[in-house]
C-alpha atoms as a PDB file:
ATOM      1  CA  UNK A   1     138.644 136.408 130.729  1.00  0.00           C
ATOM      2  CA  UNK A   2     140.553 137.443 133.477  1.00  0.00           C
ATOM      3  CA  UNK A   3     137.087 139.255 135.469  1.00  0.00           C
ATOM      4  CA  UNK A   4     135.393 135.440 134.403  1.00  0.00           C
ATOM      5  CA  UNK A   5     138.424 133.592 135.392  1.00  0.00           C
ATOM      6  CA  UNK A   6     138.228 135.282 139.055  1.00  0.00           C
ATOM      7  CA  UNK A   7     134.694 135.016 139.304  1.00  0.00           C
ATOM      8  CA  UNK A   8     135.033 131.024 139.014  1.00  0.00           C
ATOM      9  CA  UNK A   9     137.904 130.802 141.115  1.00  0.00           C
ATOM     10  CA  UNK A  10     136.172 132.399 144.039  1.00  0.00           C
ATOM     11  CA  UNK A  11     133.674 130.426 143.703  1.00  0.00           C
ATOM     12  CA  UNK A  12     135.458 127.389 143.374  1.00  0.00           C
ATOM     13  CA  UNK A  13     135.131 125.795 146.667  1.00  0.00           C
ATOM     14  CA  UNK A  14     131.425 126.544 146.672  1.00  0.00           C
ATOM     15  CA  UNK A  15     131.194 124.995 143.258  1.00  0.00           C
ATOM     16  CA  UNK A  16     133.137 121.634 144.087  1.00  0.00           C
ATOM     17  CA  UNK A  17     131.453 121.129 147.526  1.00  0.00           C
ATOM     18  CA  UNK A  18     127.871 121.182 145.367  1.00  0.00           C
ATOM     19  CA  UNK A  19     129.244 118.604 143.016  1.00  0.00           C
ATOM     20  CA  UNK A  20     130.842 116.478 145.895  1.00  0.00           C
ATOM     21  CA  UNK A  21     127.600 116.409 147.990  1.00  0.00           C
ATOM     22  CA  UNK A  22     125.478 115.002 144.558  1.00  0.00           C
ATOM     23  CA  UNK A  23     127.972 112.524 143.471  1.00  0.00           C
ATOM     24  CA  UNK A  24     129.584 111.433 146.400  1.00  0.00           C
ATOM     25  CA  UNK A  25     133.006 111.266 144.081  1.00  0.00           C
ATOM     26  CA  UNK A  26     135.642 113.680 144.275  1.00  0.00           C
ATOM     27  CA  UNK A  27     136.982 112.925 140.755  1.00  0.00           C
ATOM     28  CA  UNK A  28     133.896 112.924 138.944  1.00  0.00           C
ATOM     29  CA  UNK A  29     133.158 116.274 141.003  1.00  0.00           C
ATOM     30  CA  UNK A  30     136.638 117.542 139.801  1.00  0.00           C
ATOM     31  CA  UNK A  31     135.767 116.469 136.162  1.00  0.00           C
ATOM     32  CA  UNK A  32     132.411 118.516 136.877  1.00  0.00           C
ATOM     33  CA  UNK A  33     134.219 121.677 137.780  1.00  0.00           C
ATOM     34  CA  UNK A  34     136.025 121.816 134.825  1.00  0.00           C
ATOM     35  CA  UNK A  35     132.569 121.218 132.236  1.00  0.00           C
ATOM     36  CA  UNK A  36     131.372 123.982 134.335  1.00  0.00           C
ATOM     37  CA  UNK A  37     134.158 125.896 133.320  1.00  0.00           C
ATOM     38  CA  UNK A  38     134.079 125.456 129.633  1.00  0.00           C
ATOM     39  CA  UNK A  39     130.285 126.374 129.918  1.00  0.00           C
ATOM     40  CA  UNK A  40     131.499 129.800 131.788  1.00  0.00           C
ATOM     41  CA  UNK A  41     133.613 130.863 129.519  1.00  0.00           C
ATOM     42  CA  UNK A  42     131.596 130.682 126.829  1.00  0.00           C
ATOM     43  CA  UNK A  43     129.192 133.085 128.710  1.00  0.00           C
ATOM     44  CA  UNK A  44     128.366 136.483 127.840  1.00  0.00           C
ATOM     45  CA  UNK A  45     129.107 137.836 131.449  1.00  0.00           C
ATOM     46  CA  UNK A  46     127.700 141.134 130.829  1.00  0.00           C
ATOM     47  CA  UNK A  47     124.636 140.051 130.670  1.00  0.00           C
ATOM     48  CA  UNK A  48     124.577 137.756 133.514  1.00  0.00           C
ATOM     49  CA  UNK A  49     122.994 139.528 136.912  1.00  0.00           C
ATOM     50  CA  UNK A  50     124.150 136.852 139.521  1.00  0.00           C
ATOM     51  CA  UNK A  51     127.276 135.364 138.989  1.00  0.00           C
ATOM     52  CA  UNK A  52     126.723 132.791 141.809  1.00  0.00           C
ATOM     53  CA  UNK A  53     123.569 132.090 141.013  1.00  0.00           C
ATOM     54  CA  UNK A  54     124.253 131.565 137.539  1.00  0.00           C
ATOM     55  CA  UNK A  55     127.472 129.213 138.170  1.00  0.00           C
ATOM     56  CA  UNK A  56     125.591 126.864 140.794  1.00  0.00           C
ATOM     57  CA  UNK A  57     123.022 126.373 137.944  1.00  0.00           C
ATOM     58  CA  UNK A  58     125.353 125.585 135.569  1.00  0.00           C
ATOM     59  CA  UNK A  59     127.356 123.288 138.080  1.00  0.00           C
ATOM     60  CA  UNK A  60     124.077 121.555 139.438  1.00  0.00           C
ATOM     61  CA  UNK A  61     123.249 120.794 135.875  1.00  0.00           C
ATOM     62  CA  UNK A  62     126.550 119.291 134.890  1.00  0.00           C
ATOM     63  CA  UNK A  63     126.611 117.342 138.667  1.00  0.00           C
ATOM     64  CA  UNK A  64     122.823 115.894 137.822  1.00  0.00           C
ATOM     65  CA  UNK A  65     123.918 114.840 133.624  1.00  0.00           C
ATOM     66  CA  UNK A  66     127.114 113.164 135.470  1.00  0.00           C
ATOM     67  CA  UNK A  67     125.133 111.276 138.435  1.00  0.00           C
ATOM     68  CA  UNK A  68     122.895 109.676 136.018  1.00  0.00           C
ATOM     69  CA  UNK A  69     126.236 108.459 134.401  1.00  0.00           C
ATOM     70  CA  UNK A  70     127.286 107.394 137.705  1.00  0.00           C
ATOM     71  CA  UNK A  71     123.808 105.228 138.750  1.00  0.00           C
ATOM     72  CA  UNK A  72     124.863 103.264 135.273  1.00  0.00           C
ATOM     73  CA  UNK A  73     128.464 102.596 136.952  1.00  0.00           C
ATOM     74  CA  UNK A  74     127.854 101.314 140.204  1.00  0.00           C
ATOM     75  CA  UNK A  75     125.433  99.039 138.912  1.00  0.00           C
ATOM     76  CA  UNK A  76     128.140  97.081 137.793  1.00  0.00           C
ATOM     77  CA  UNK A  77     130.672  97.980 140.854  1.00  0.00           C
ATOM     78  CA  UNK A  78     131.601  95.079 142.818  1.00  0.00           C
ATOM     79  CA  UNK A  79     131.435  94.810 146.069  1.00  0.00           C
ATOM     80  CA  UNK A  80     129.576  97.808 148.188  1.00  0.00           C
ATOM     81  CA  UNK A  81     130.073 101.157 146.678  1.00  0.00           C
ATOM     82  CA  UNK A  82     130.731 104.327 149.186  1.00  0.00           C
ATOM     83  CA  UNK A  83     131.432 107.532 149.000  1.00  0.00           C
ATOM     84  CA  UNK A  84     134.978 109.175 148.196  1.00  0.00           C
ATOM     85  CA  UNK A  85     136.693 110.255 151.772  1.00  0.00           C
ATOM     86  CA  UNK A  86     138.094 113.651 151.747  1.00  0.00           C
ATOM     87  CA  UNK A  87     140.801 114.896 154.141  1.00  0.00           C
ATOM     88  CA  UNK A  88     138.775 118.401 155.122  1.00  0.00           C
ATOM     89  CA  UNK A  89     140.250 121.480 156.517  1.00  0.00           C
ATOM     90  CA  UNK A  90     139.438 122.232 160.405  1.00  0.00           C
ATOM     91  CA  UNK A  91     137.421 124.474 159.582  1.00  0.00           C
ATOM     92  CA  UNK A  92     134.792 122.145 157.806  1.00  0.00           C
ATOM     93  CA  UNK A  93     134.129 120.495 161.230  1.00  0.00           C
ATOM     94  CA  UNK A  94     133.445 124.184 162.862  1.00  0.00           C
ATOM     95  CA  UNK A  95     130.248 124.684 160.129  1.00  0.00           C
ATOM     96  CA  UNK A  96     127.837 121.951 162.117  1.00  0.00           C
ATOM     97  CA  UNK A  97     125.689 121.812 159.345  1.00  0.00           C
ATOM     98  CA  UNK A  98     128.057 121.520 156.334  1.00  0.00           C
ATOM     99  CA  UNK A  99     130.209 118.521 158.351  1.00  0.00           C
ATOM    100  CA  UNK A 100     126.935 116.224 159.330  1.00  0.00           C
ATOM    101  CA  UNK A 101     125.807 117.053 154.844  1.00  0.00           C
ATOM    102  CA  UNK A 102     129.248 115.689 153.894  1.00  0.00           C
ATOM    103  CA  UNK A 103     129.833 113.105 157.171  1.00  0.00           C
ATOM    104  CA  UNK A 104     130.063 109.871 155.321  1.00  0.00           C
ATOM    105  CA  UNK A 105     126.395 108.395 157.126  1.00  0.00           C
ATOM    106  CA  UNK A 106     124.408 111.220 155.440  1.00  0.00           C
ATOM    107  CA  UNK A 107     126.154 110.969 151.882  1.00  0.00           C
ATOM    108  CA  UNK A 108     125.004 107.501 152.036  1.00  0.00           C
ATOM    109  CA  UNK A 109     121.758 108.025 152.761  1.00  0.00           C
ATOM    110  CA  UNK A 110     121.353 110.720 149.642  1.00  0.00           C
ATOM    111  CA  UNK A 111     122.490 107.911 147.862  1.00  0.00           C
ATOM    112  CA  UNK A 112     119.252 106.855 148.254  1.00  0.00           C
ATOM    113  CA  UNK A 113     117.186 109.371 146.355  1.00  0.00           C
ATOM    114  CA  UNK A 114     116.734 109.820 143.074  1.00  0.00           C
ATOM    115  CA  UNK A 115     119.335 112.377 141.165  1.00  0.00           C
ATOM    116  CA  UNK A 116     116.694 115.236 141.113  1.00  0.00           C
ATOM    117  CA  UNK A 117     115.474 114.749 144.686  1.00  0.00           C
ATOM    118  CA  UNK A 118     119.281 114.646 145.472  1.00  0.00           C
ATOM    119  CA  UNK A 119     120.029 118.031 143.817  1.00  0.00           C
ATOM    120  CA  UNK A 120     117.374 119.310 144.884  1.00  0.00           C
ATOM    121  CA  UNK A 121     117.686 118.145 148.576  1.00  0.00           C
ATOM    122  CA  UNK A 122     120.694 119.538 148.414  1.00  0.00           C
ATOM    123  CA  UNK A 123     120.332 122.789 146.844  1.00  0.00           C
ATOM    124  CA  UNK A 124     117.857 123.616 149.899  1.00  0.00           C
ATOM    125  CA  UNK A 125     119.018 122.050 152.914  1.00  0.00           C
ATOM    126  CA  UNK A 126     122.615 122.884 152.602  1.00  0.00           C
ATOM    127  CA  UNK A 127     122.768 125.879 151.118  1.00  0.00           C
ATOM    128  CA  UNK A 128     119.284 126.940 151.573  1.00  0.00           C
ATOM    129  CA  UNK A 129     118.856 128.513 147.846  1.00  0.00           C
ATOM    130  CA  UNK A 130     114.978 129.469 147.266  1.00  0.00           C
ATOM    131  CA  UNK A 131     112.882 127.850 145.140  1.00  0.00           C
ATOM    132  CA  UNK A 132     112.824 130.040 142.896  1.00  0.00           C
ATOM    133  CA  UNK A 133     116.775 129.190 142.293  1.00  0.00           C
ATOM    134  CA  UNK A 134     116.809 125.735 142.527  1.00  0.00           C
ATOM    135  CA  UNK A 135     113.700 125.131 139.852  1.00  0.00           C
ATOM    136  CA  UNK A 136     116.182 126.901 137.499  1.00  0.00           C
ATOM    137  CA  UNK A 137     118.642 124.863 138.076  1.00  0.00           C
ATOM    138  CA  UNK A 138     116.886 121.328 137.900  1.00  0.00           C
ATOM    139  CA  UNK A 139     114.645 122.715 134.932  1.00  0.00           C
ATOM    140  CA  UNK A 140     111.302 122.400 137.489  1.00  0.00           C
ATOM    141  CA  UNK A 141     108.624 124.513 137.978  1.00  0.00           C
ATOM    142  CA  UNK A 142     108.830 126.396 141.814  1.00  0.00           C
ATOM    143  CA  UNK A 143     105.511 123.889 143.208  1.00  0.00           C
ATOM    144  CA  UNK A 144     107.386 121.027 141.543  1.00  0.00           C
ATOM    145  CA  UNK A 145     110.626 121.898 143.789  1.00  0.00           C
ATOM    146  CA  UNK A 146     108.625 122.526 146.902  1.00  0.00           C
ATOM    147  CA  UNK A 147     107.128 118.763 146.202  1.00  0.00           C
ATOM    148  CA  UNK A 148     110.454 117.193 145.416  1.00  0.00           C
ATOM    149  CA  UNK A 149     112.288 118.965 148.724  1.00  0.00           C
ATOM    150  CA  UNK A 150     109.447 117.685 151.181  1.00  0.00           C
ATOM    151  CA  UNK A 151     109.873 114.480 149.808  1.00  0.00           C
ATOM    152  CA  UNK A 152     113.530 114.542 149.899  1.00  0.00           C
ATOM    153  CA  UNK A 153     113.536 115.639 153.144  1.00  0.00           C
ATOM    154  CA  UNK A 154     111.104 113.374 154.468  1.00  0.00           C
ATOM    155  CA  UNK A 155     113.200 110.245 152.917  1.00  0.00           C
ATOM    156  CA  UNK A 156     116.655 111.498 154.225  1.00  0.00           C
ATOM    157  CA  UNK A 157     115.155 111.709 158.151  1.00  0.00           C
ATOM    158  CA  UNK A 158     113.622 108.716 158.313  1.00  0.00           C
ATOM    159  CA  UNK A 159     117.293 107.621 157.410  1.00  0.00           C
ATOM    160  CA  UNK A 160     119.615 109.375 158.696  1.00  0.00           C
ATOM    161  CA  UNK A 161     121.391 109.598 162.131  1.00  0.00           C
ATOM    162  CA  UNK A 162     118.830 110.747 164.684  1.00  0.00           C
ATOM    163  CA  UNK A 163     120.838 113.915 165.767  1.00  0.00           C
ATOM    164  CA  UNK A 164     124.339 115.361 165.063  1.00  0.00           C
ATOM    165  CA  UNK A 165     126.723 113.584 166.558  1.00  0.00           C
ATOM    166  CA  UNK A 166     129.431 115.824 167.808  1.00  0.00           C
ATOM    167  CA  UNK A 167     133.370 115.835 167.079  1.00  0.00           C
ATOM    168  CA  UNK A 168     133.874 115.320 170.591  1.00  0.00           C
ATOM    169  CA  UNK A 169     131.514 112.403 170.735  1.00  0.00           C
ATOM    170  CA  UNK A 170     133.065 110.956 167.038  1.00  0.00           C
ATOM    171  CA  UNK A 171     136.391 111.249 168.785  1.00  0.00           C
ATOM    172  CA  UNK A 172     135.731 109.359 171.797  1.00  0.00           C
ATOM    173  CA  UNK A 173     134.351 106.778 170.012  1.00  0.00           C
ATOM    174  CA  UNK A 174     137.232 105.930 167.280  1.00  0.00           C
ATOM    175  CA  UNK A 175     139.681 106.280 170.322  1.00  0.00           C
ATOM    176  CA  UNK A 176     137.879 103.174 171.978  1.00  0.00           C
ATOM    177  CA  UNK A 177     137.184 101.825 168.717  1.00  0.00           C
ATOM    178  CA  UNK A 178     141.619 102.269 168.090  1.00  0.00           C
ATOM    179  CA  UNK A 179     142.182 100.313 171.648  1.00  0.00           C
ATOM    180  CA  UNK A 180     140.248  97.661 171.098  1.00  0.00           C
ATOM    181  CA  UNK A 181     141.310  97.075 167.849  1.00  0.00           C
ATOM    182  CA  UNK A 182     145.308  97.114 168.512  1.00  0.00           C
ATOM    183  CA  UNK A 183     144.548  95.552 171.784  1.00  0.00           C
ATOM    184  CA  UNK A 184     143.320  92.621 170.520  1.00  0.00           C
ATOM    185  CA  UNK A 185     140.194  92.848 173.015  1.00  0.00           C
ATOM    186  CA  UNK A 186     136.965  91.572 171.554  1.00  0.00           C
ATOM    187  CA  UNK A 187     134.644  92.462 175.092  1.00  0.00           C
ATOM    188  CA  UNK A 188     135.684  96.445 174.964  1.00  0.00           C
ATOM    189  CA  UNK A 189     135.137  96.426 170.838  1.00  0.00           C
ATOM    190  CA  UNK A 190     131.594  94.238 171.634  1.00  0.00           C
ATOM    191  CA  UNK A 191     130.448  96.673 174.476  1.00  0.00           C
ATOM    192  CA  UNK A 192     131.368  99.834 171.826  1.00  0.00           C
ATOM    193  CA  UNK A 193     129.309  98.339 168.885  1.00  0.00           C
ATOM    194  CA  UNK A 194     125.965  98.842 168.201  1.00  0.00           C
ATOM    195  CA  UNK A 195     123.773  95.847 168.410  1.00  0.00           C
ATOM    196  CA  UNK A 196     122.338  96.033 164.914  1.00  0.00           C
ATOM    197  CA  UNK A 197     126.288  98.178 163.329  1.00  0.00           C
ATOM    198  CA  UNK A 198     126.795  97.543 159.950  1.00  0.00           C
ATOM    199  CA  UNK A 199     129.858  97.095 158.563  1.00  0.00           C
ATOM    200  CA  UNK A 200     130.464  98.170 154.591  1.00  0.00           C
ATOM    201  CA  UNK A 201     134.041  97.560 152.624  1.00  0.00           C
ATOM    202  CA  UNK A 202     134.564  99.373 149.615  1.00  0.00           C
ATOM    203  CA  UNK A 203     137.395  97.764 147.944  1.00  0.00           C
ATOM    204  CA  UNK A 204     135.780  98.161 144.033  1.00  0.00           C
ATOM    205  CA  UNK A 205     137.366  95.165 142.849  1.00  0.00           C
ATOM    206  CA  UNK A 206     140.946  96.048 143.749  1.00  0.00           C
ATOM    207  CA  UNK A 207     141.845  95.949 146.952  1.00  0.00           C
ATOM    208  CA  UNK A 208     140.281  92.898 149.455  1.00  0.00           C
ATOM    209  CA  UNK A 209     136.622  93.645 151.099  1.00  0.00           C
ATOM    210  CA  UNK A 210     133.763  92.190 152.458  1.00  0.00           C
ATOM    211  CA  UNK A 211     131.425  91.172 149.472  1.00  0.00           C
ATOM    212  CA  UNK A 212     128.129  92.327 151.442  1.00  0.00           C
ATOM    213  CA  UNK A 213     127.739  94.534 154.314  1.00  0.00           C
ATOM    214  CA  UNK A 214     128.702  92.375 157.417  1.00  0.00           C
ATOM    215  CA  UNK A 215     125.609  93.191 160.419  1.00  0.00           C
ATOM    216  CA  UNK A 216     125.397  92.613 164.490  1.00  0.00           C
ATOM    217  CA  UNK A 217     128.112  93.549 166.971  1.00  0.00           C
ATOM    218  CA  UNK A 218     129.378  89.826 167.185  1.00  0.00           C
ATOM    219  CA  UNK A 219     129.967  89.099 163.848  1.00  0.00           C
ATOM    220  CA  UNK A 220     131.828  92.833 162.916  1.00  0.00           C
ATOM    221  CA  UNK A 221     133.728  92.403 166.314  1.00  0.00           C
ATOM    222  CA  UNK A 222     134.402  89.064 165.123  1.00  0.00           C
ATOM    223  CA  UNK A 223     135.519  89.950 161.500  1.00  0.00           C
ATOM    224  CA  UNK A 224     137.756  92.723 162.567  1.00  0.00           C
ATOM    225  CA  UNK A 225     139.884  91.191 165.055  1.00  0.00           C
ATOM    226  CA  UNK A 226     140.083  87.796 162.804  1.00  0.00           C
ATOM    227  CA  UNK A 227     141.609  90.360 159.658  1.00  0.00           C
ATOM    228  CA  UNK A 228     143.784  91.993 162.054  1.00  0.00           C
ATOM    229  CA  UNK A 229     145.089  89.516 163.718  1.00  0.00           C
ATOM    230  CA  UNK A 230     146.024  87.698 160.472  1.00  0.00           C
ATOM    231  CA  UNK A 231     148.721  90.821 158.973  1.00  0.00           C
ATOM    232  CA  UNK A 232     151.780  92.446 160.533  1.00  0.00           C
ATOM    233  CA  UNK A 233     152.786  96.032 160.048  1.00  0.00           C
ATOM    234  CA  UNK A 234     149.319  97.814 159.842  1.00  0.00           C
ATOM    235  CA  UNK A 235     149.206 101.073 161.895  1.00  0.00           C
ATOM    236  CA  UNK A 236     146.045 103.294 162.565  1.00  0.00           C
ATOM    237  CA  UNK A 237     146.243 107.050 163.030  1.00  0.00           C
ATOM    238  CA  UNK A 238     143.395 109.550 163.538  1.00  0.00           C
ATOM    239  CA  UNK A 239     142.582 112.088 160.507  1.00  0.00           C
ATOM    240  CA  UNK A 240     139.653 114.787 159.897  1.00  0.00           C
ATOM    241  CA  UNK A 241     137.846 112.631 156.905  1.00  0.00           C
ATOM    242  CA  UNK A 242     134.554 114.848 155.648  1.00  0.00           C
ATOM    243  CA  UNK A 243     134.464 116.713 158.557  1.00  0.00           C
ATOM    244  CA  UNK A 244     134.095 114.349 161.023  1.00  0.00           C
ATOM    245  CA  UNK A 245     137.028 112.417 162.811  1.00  0.00           C
ATOM    246  CA  UNK A 246     137.825 109.414 161.424  1.00  0.00           C
ATOM    247  CA  UNK A 247     140.836 106.292 161.360  1.00  0.00           C
ATOM    248  CA  UNK A 248     143.175 106.166 158.187  1.00  0.00           C
ATOM    249  CA  UNK A 249     145.157 102.077 158.103  1.00  0.00           C
ATOM    250  CA  UNK A 250     148.499 101.879 156.472  1.00  0.00           C
ATOM    251  CA  UNK A 251     150.225  99.017 156.098  1.00  0.00           C
ATOM    252  CA  UNK A 252     153.967  99.097 155.955  1.00  0.00           C
ATOM    253  CA  UNK A 253     153.826 102.993 156.254  1.00  0.00           C
ATOM    254  CA  UNK A 254     151.408 103.231 152.842  1.00  0.00           C
ATOM    255  CA  UNK A 255     148.164 104.326 152.711  1.00  0.00           C
ATOM    256  CA  UNK A 256     145.413 101.082 152.716  1.00  0.00           C
ATOM    257  CA  UNK A 257     142.200 102.173 154.239  1.00  0.00           C
ATOM    258  CA  UNK A 258     139.740 104.863 155.223  1.00  0.00           C
ATOM    259  CA  UNK A 259     137.522 104.334 158.166  1.00  0.00           C
ATOM    260  CA  UNK A 260     134.711 106.303 158.708  1.00  0.00           C
ATOM    261  CA  UNK A 261     131.654 105.820 161.075  1.00  0.00           C
ATOM    262  CA  UNK A 262     128.291 106.243 162.177  1.00  0.00           C
ATOM    263  CA  UNK A 263     127.498 106.871 166.095  1.00  0.00           C
ATOM    264  CA  UNK A 264     124.695 107.162 167.719  1.00  0.00           C
ATOM    265  CA  UNK A 265     123.787 106.913 171.656  1.00  0.00           C
ATOM    266  CA  UNK A 266     127.435 107.115 172.414  1.00  0.00           C
ATOM    267  CA  UNK A 267     127.949 103.661 170.075  1.00  0.00           C
ATOM    268  CA  UNK A 268     129.285 102.873 166.499  1.00  0.00           C
ATOM    269  CA  UNK A 269     126.421 101.858 164.477  1.00  0.00           C
ATOM    270  CA  UNK A 270     128.410 102.179 161.121  1.00  0.00           C
ATOM    271  CA  UNK A 271     131.807 101.595 159.882  1.00  0.00           C
ATOM    272  CA  UNK A 272     132.876 102.214 156.596  1.00  0.00           C
ATOM    273  CA  UNK A 273     135.843 101.113 155.240  1.00  0.00           C
ATOM    274  CA  UNK A 274     137.403 102.602 151.879  1.00  0.00           C
ATOM    275  CA  UNK A 275     139.857 100.064 150.442  1.00  0.00           C
ATOM    276  CA  UNK A 276     139.794 101.281 146.535  1.00  0.00           C
ATOM    277  CA  UNK A 277     142.389 103.254 145.934  1.00  0.00           C
ATOM    278  CA  UNK A 278     141.064 105.121 143.081  1.00  0.00           C
ATOM    279  CA  UNK A 279     138.798 106.800 145.679  1.00  0.00           C
ATOM    280  CA  UNK A 280     141.880 107.574 148.284  1.00  0.00           C
ATOM    281  CA  UNK A 281     143.708 110.085 146.109  1.00  0.00           C
ATOM    282  CA  UNK A 282     142.404 112.946 147.675  1.00  0.00           C
ATOM    283  CA  UNK A 283     143.592 111.724 151.215  1.00  0.00           C
ATOM    284  CA  UNK A 284     146.802 113.410 150.631  1.00  0.00           C
ATOM    285  CA  UNK A 285     146.328 116.770 151.294  1.00  0.00           C
ATOM    286  CA  UNK A 286     143.442 118.993 152.555  1.00  0.00           C
ATOM    287  CA  UNK A 287     140.000 119.905 150.807  1.00  0.00           C
ATOM    288  CA  UNK A 288     138.527 123.066 151.431  1.00  0.00           C
ATOM    289  CA  UNK A 289     134.468 122.704 151.217  1.00  0.00           C
ATOM    290  CA  UNK A 290     132.604 126.048 151.316  1.00  0.00           C
ATOM    291  CA  UNK A 291     128.979 127.047 151.942  1.00  0.00           C
END
């Protein structure tokens, strides 16, 4: 069991990353890892030729089962559902493809895929597994997996940001956003927001949040400044969330909201505010993601 434990631990960050990208929930990804360990501990390890591939197969199947359960849970979720934000280590940002794949903007696009499409897309496009390995993980034949991968790739490409935004561009946009909101500068905020910007808030029915998406620069800017002017004791600070710069809002020193953005052509086209306390538990320490 020591060898089995060492093998699992050595692949743990990879397995967590796969589960998180499939689920959008760190808490559920942790549960999937526990289930994966239980199955792995019952395997005759000497008969397993490729430990990494075998563990990936287990975690994918467990995540698929959990993803279908999550789908039912989301149907009764109060308000908009956003992925759980992760405070990520600096090295995640250095892997441009990994950072892009876990960004809030792309994770929201993955939410529009079917469970099998999402699994195939993540395993192929992010982790570069071959079609035979993916077929074994999702219980399909390789030809079917190729078709699913093509369909998922086209679906995501049509909805994701047109180009991968740089860390510097994200930091610059967030710094401008922070200045505008802290000073109450409506015109600066309007200049920064894309005309068709979309604001999504996730309070989970526990914290106050907009019940549905707010669209348009004027509506979003006036909503933000109007809301912040009504309260005192809040601060904003930069953080690295899901591989990209983000903002953490605190009220009287307590973590209240994580704000991530989608930046296109130098302007903010998406604002994602997570307030649900159950989704902020992983903001206390850095999470290491691996490919």
